[in-house]
N, C-alpha and C. Protein backbone atom coordinates (compact mmCIF):
# COMPACT_ATOMS: atom_id res chain seq x y z
N MET A 1 51.10 -30.64 127.76
CA MET A 1 51.23 -29.38 127.99
C MET A 1 52.91 -29.89 129.36
N LEU A 2 52.71 -30.75 130.26
CA LEU A 2 54.15 -31.40 130.51
C LEU A 2 55.24 -31.58 129.60
N ALA A 3 55.52 -31.69 128.75
CA ALA A 3 56.92 -31.34 127.89
C ALA A 3 56.54 -30.24 127.75
N GLU A 4 55.84 -29.09 127.59
CA GLU A 4 56.18 -27.57 127.45
C GLU A 4 57.01 -27.66 128.66
N ASN A 5 56.14 -27.61 129.90
CA ASN A 5 57.21 -27.31 131.45
C ASN A 5 58.50 -28.20 131.24
N ILE A 6 59.19 -29.35 131.05
CA ILE A 6 60.07 -29.79 130.70
C ILE A 6 60.75 -29.06 130.25
N GLN A 7 60.76 -28.85 128.67
CA GLN A 7 61.52 -28.00 127.77
C GLN A 7 61.50 -26.39 128.76
N THR A 8 60.79 -26.20 128.84
CA THR A 8 60.97 -24.42 129.89
C THR A 8 62.05 -24.71 130.38
N TRP A 9 61.55 -25.78 131.86
CA TRP A 9 63.00 -25.88 132.61
C TRP A 9 64.02 -25.96 132.75
N ALA A 10 63.97 -27.11 131.32
CA ALA A 10 65.36 -27.22 130.35
C ALA A 10 66.37 -26.00 130.33
N GLU A 11 65.66 -25.11 130.13
CA GLU A 11 65.81 -23.65 129.44
C GLU A 11 66.20 -22.88 129.82
N GLN A 12 65.27 -23.11 131.37
CA GLN A 12 65.86 -22.00 132.07
C GLN A 12 67.53 -22.21 132.98
N GLU A 13 67.06 -23.88 132.97
CA GLU A 13 68.57 -24.82 133.83
C GLU A 13 69.87 -24.82 132.82
N GLN A 14 69.16 -24.48 131.47
CA GLN A 14 71.19 -24.43 130.40
C GLN A 14 71.43 -23.02 131.02
N HIS A 15 70.26 -21.58 131.05
CA HIS A 15 70.44 -20.41 131.26
C HIS A 15 71.18 -19.83 132.15
N LYS A 16 70.67 -20.77 133.67
CA LYS A 16 71.70 -20.86 134.99
C LYS A 16 72.92 -21.37 134.90
N GLY A 17 73.14 -22.25 134.17
CA GLY A 17 74.49 -22.82 134.12
C GLY A 17 75.47 -21.73 132.79
N ARG A 18 74.70 -21.16 132.15
CA ARG A 18 75.87 -20.67 131.45
C ARG A 18 76.26 -19.34 131.82
N GLU A 19 75.19 -18.64 132.87
CA GLU A 19 75.31 -17.23 133.72
C GLU A 19 76.38 -18.27 134.98
N GLU A 20 76.55 -19.25 135.27
CA GLU A 20 77.10 -19.31 136.67
C GLU A 20 78.65 -19.77 135.62
N GLY A 21 78.97 -20.08 134.68
CA GLY A 21 79.85 -20.35 133.74
C GLY A 21 80.70 -18.77 133.67
N LEU A 22 79.65 -18.12 132.90
CA LEU A 22 80.09 -16.40 133.02
C LEU A 22 80.92 -16.21 133.98
N GLN A 23 79.85 -15.92 135.46
CA GLN A 23 80.60 -15.63 136.42
C GLN A 23 82.03 -16.51 137.17
N GLU A 24 82.34 -17.59 136.71
CA GLU A 24 83.24 -17.74 136.78
C GLU A 24 84.46 -18.13 136.31
N GLY A 25 83.95 -17.75 134.97
CA GLY A 25 84.97 -17.20 134.04
C GLY A 25 86.05 -15.48 134.46
N GLU A 26 85.20 -14.92 134.62
CA GLU A 26 84.87 -13.24 135.15
C GLU A 26 85.89 -13.15 136.55
N ARG A 27 85.44 -14.34 137.36
CA ARG A 27 86.07 -14.69 138.53
C ARG A 27 88.20 -15.11 138.01
N LEU A 28 87.95 -15.51 137.79
CA LEU A 28 89.45 -16.25 137.60
C LEU A 28 89.88 -15.58 136.17
N GLY A 29 89.49 -14.80 135.78
CA GLY A 29 90.05 -13.61 134.69
C GLY A 29 90.70 -12.55 136.07
N LEU A 30 89.77 -12.02 137.23
CA LEU A 30 89.90 -11.05 137.88
C LEU A 30 91.10 -11.95 139.02
N GLU A 31 91.29 -12.83 138.87
CA GLU A 31 92.34 -13.85 139.96
C GLU A 31 93.27 -13.94 139.11
N LYS A 32 93.64 -13.81 137.58
CA LYS A 32 94.55 -14.07 136.88
C LYS A 32 95.13 -12.38 136.59
N THR A 33 94.79 -11.51 136.90
CA THR A 33 94.91 -10.62 136.75
C THR A 33 95.39 -9.72 137.78
N ALA A 34 95.09 -10.11 138.99
CA ALA A 34 95.54 -10.39 139.87
C ALA A 34 96.92 -10.41 140.39
N ARG A 35 97.14 -11.80 140.17
CA ARG A 35 97.86 -12.46 140.46
C ARG A 35 99.59 -11.84 139.35
N ASN A 36 99.00 -11.26 138.30
CA ASN A 36 99.82 -10.15 137.88
C ASN A 36 100.69 -9.13 138.50
N LEU A 37 99.09 -8.31 138.68
CA LEU A 37 99.84 -7.47 139.30
C LEU A 37 100.54 -7.32 140.57
N ILE A 38 100.55 -8.30 140.95
CA ILE A 38 101.02 -9.31 142.45
C ILE A 38 102.77 -9.26 142.52
N SER A 39 102.79 -10.20 141.33
CA SER A 39 104.06 -10.35 140.42
C SER A 39 104.90 -8.57 140.68
N LEU A 40 104.41 -8.26 140.01
CA LEU A 40 105.12 -6.94 139.47
C LEU A 40 105.25 -6.39 141.01
N ASN A 41 104.98 -6.55 142.21
CA ASN A 41 105.40 -5.89 143.89
C ASN A 41 105.44 -4.63 143.32
N ALA A 42 104.48 -3.92 143.06
CA ALA A 42 104.32 -2.47 142.44
C ALA A 42 103.13 -1.87 143.09
N LEU A 43 101.83 -2.77 143.73
CA LEU A 43 100.96 -2.24 144.27
C LEU A 43 100.42 -2.70 145.95
N THR A 44 100.03 -2.30 146.05
CA THR A 44 99.24 -2.70 147.82
C THR A 44 98.20 -3.80 147.37
N ASP A 45 97.70 -4.53 148.26
CA ASP A 45 96.69 -5.40 148.82
C ASP A 45 95.82 -4.73 148.29
N GLU A 46 95.37 -3.90 148.69
CA GLU A 46 94.43 -2.34 148.86
C GLU A 46 94.49 -1.70 147.14
N GLN A 47 95.30 -1.63 146.70
CA GLN A 47 95.35 -0.57 145.11
C GLN A 47 94.87 -1.98 143.82
N ILE A 48 95.32 -3.29 144.28
CA ILE A 48 95.14 -4.23 143.49
C ILE A 48 93.63 -4.89 144.02
N ALA A 49 92.93 -5.30 145.11
CA ALA A 49 91.60 -5.17 145.44
C ALA A 49 89.86 -3.90 144.27
N GLN A 50 91.56 -2.73 144.33
CA GLN A 50 90.16 -1.74 144.38
C GLN A 50 90.49 -1.65 142.28
N ALA A 51 91.34 -2.66 141.80
CA ALA A 51 91.40 -2.52 140.63
C ALA A 51 91.48 -3.36 140.10
N THR A 52 90.95 -4.53 140.47
CA THR A 52 90.10 -5.81 139.93
C THR A 52 88.66 -6.23 140.43
N GLY A 53 88.38 -5.15 141.99
CA GLY A 53 87.04 -5.48 142.39
C GLY A 53 87.42 -7.02 143.43
N LEU A 54 87.87 -7.79 143.33
CA LEU A 54 88.40 -8.94 144.75
C LEU A 54 88.16 -7.92 145.82
N SER A 55 87.81 -8.64 146.63
CA SER A 55 88.10 -7.99 147.65
C SER A 55 89.92 -7.97 148.58
N VAL A 56 89.49 -7.66 149.69
CA VAL A 56 91.22 -7.32 149.87
C VAL A 56 91.70 -9.02 150.61
N GLU A 57 90.79 -9.91 151.08
CA GLU A 57 91.18 -10.98 151.72
C GLU A 57 92.02 -12.09 150.57
N ASP A 58 90.85 -11.32 149.57
CA ASP A 58 91.27 -12.66 148.42
C ASP A 58 92.71 -12.09 147.67
N ILE A 59 92.99 -11.06 148.00
CA ILE A 59 94.23 -10.49 147.60
C ILE A 59 94.90 -10.90 148.19
N ALA A 60 94.98 -10.85 149.02
CA ALA A 60 95.74 -11.56 150.15
C ALA A 60 95.73 -12.63 149.89
N LYS A 61 94.98 -13.81 150.00
CA LYS A 61 94.98 -15.08 149.99
C LYS A 61 95.83 -15.86 148.88
N LEU A 62 95.54 -14.64 147.55
CA LEU A 62 96.24 -15.18 146.28
C LEU A 62 97.60 -14.45 146.39
N ARG A 63 97.90 -13.56 146.71
CA ARG A 63 99.76 -13.27 147.09
C ARG A 63 100.30 -14.17 147.92
N ASP A 64 99.28 -14.69 149.39
CA ASP A 64 100.30 -16.17 149.85
C ASP A 64 100.20 -17.53 148.88
N GLU A 65 99.22 -17.78 148.70
CA GLU A 65 99.76 -18.89 147.17
C GLU A 65 101.03 -18.25 146.21
N GLU A 66 100.69 -17.28 146.38
CA GLU A 66 102.07 -16.83 144.75
C GLU A 66 103.47 -16.62 146.08
N GLN A 67 103.05 -16.18 146.66
CA GLN A 67 104.75 -16.82 147.84
C GLN A 67 105.09 -18.21 147.93
N GLY A 68 104.41 -18.79 148.09
CA GLY A 68 104.07 -20.65 148.44
C GLY A 68 104.64 -21.01 147.10
N ASP A 69 104.55 -20.76 146.25
CA ASP A 69 104.85 -21.10 144.76
C ASP A 69 106.37 -20.97 144.56
N HIS A 70 107.47 -19.83 145.11
CA HIS A 70 108.20 -19.88 144.73
C HIS A 70 109.64 -20.51 146.14
C-alpha cells in the first residue's frame, strides 16, 4: 500500500513537472515572438501584447531589454 502511494505521488509530481515545463516553454516562445515583433518596430506594445497574450508591462520590459542590448 505504501509503495503504491509513493508510486502515485511520484507520477503526480512528474506530471506536474511536465506541465510546468510546458508552460515555461510556451512563455519563452511567446517572449521570443514578442522580441521579433519589437525588432520589426512596426507595432505598438499594446498590439504586440494582444498578438502574444503577454501583458503590456511584459512587452515594455522586453522592449527595454532589447534597447539595452544595442
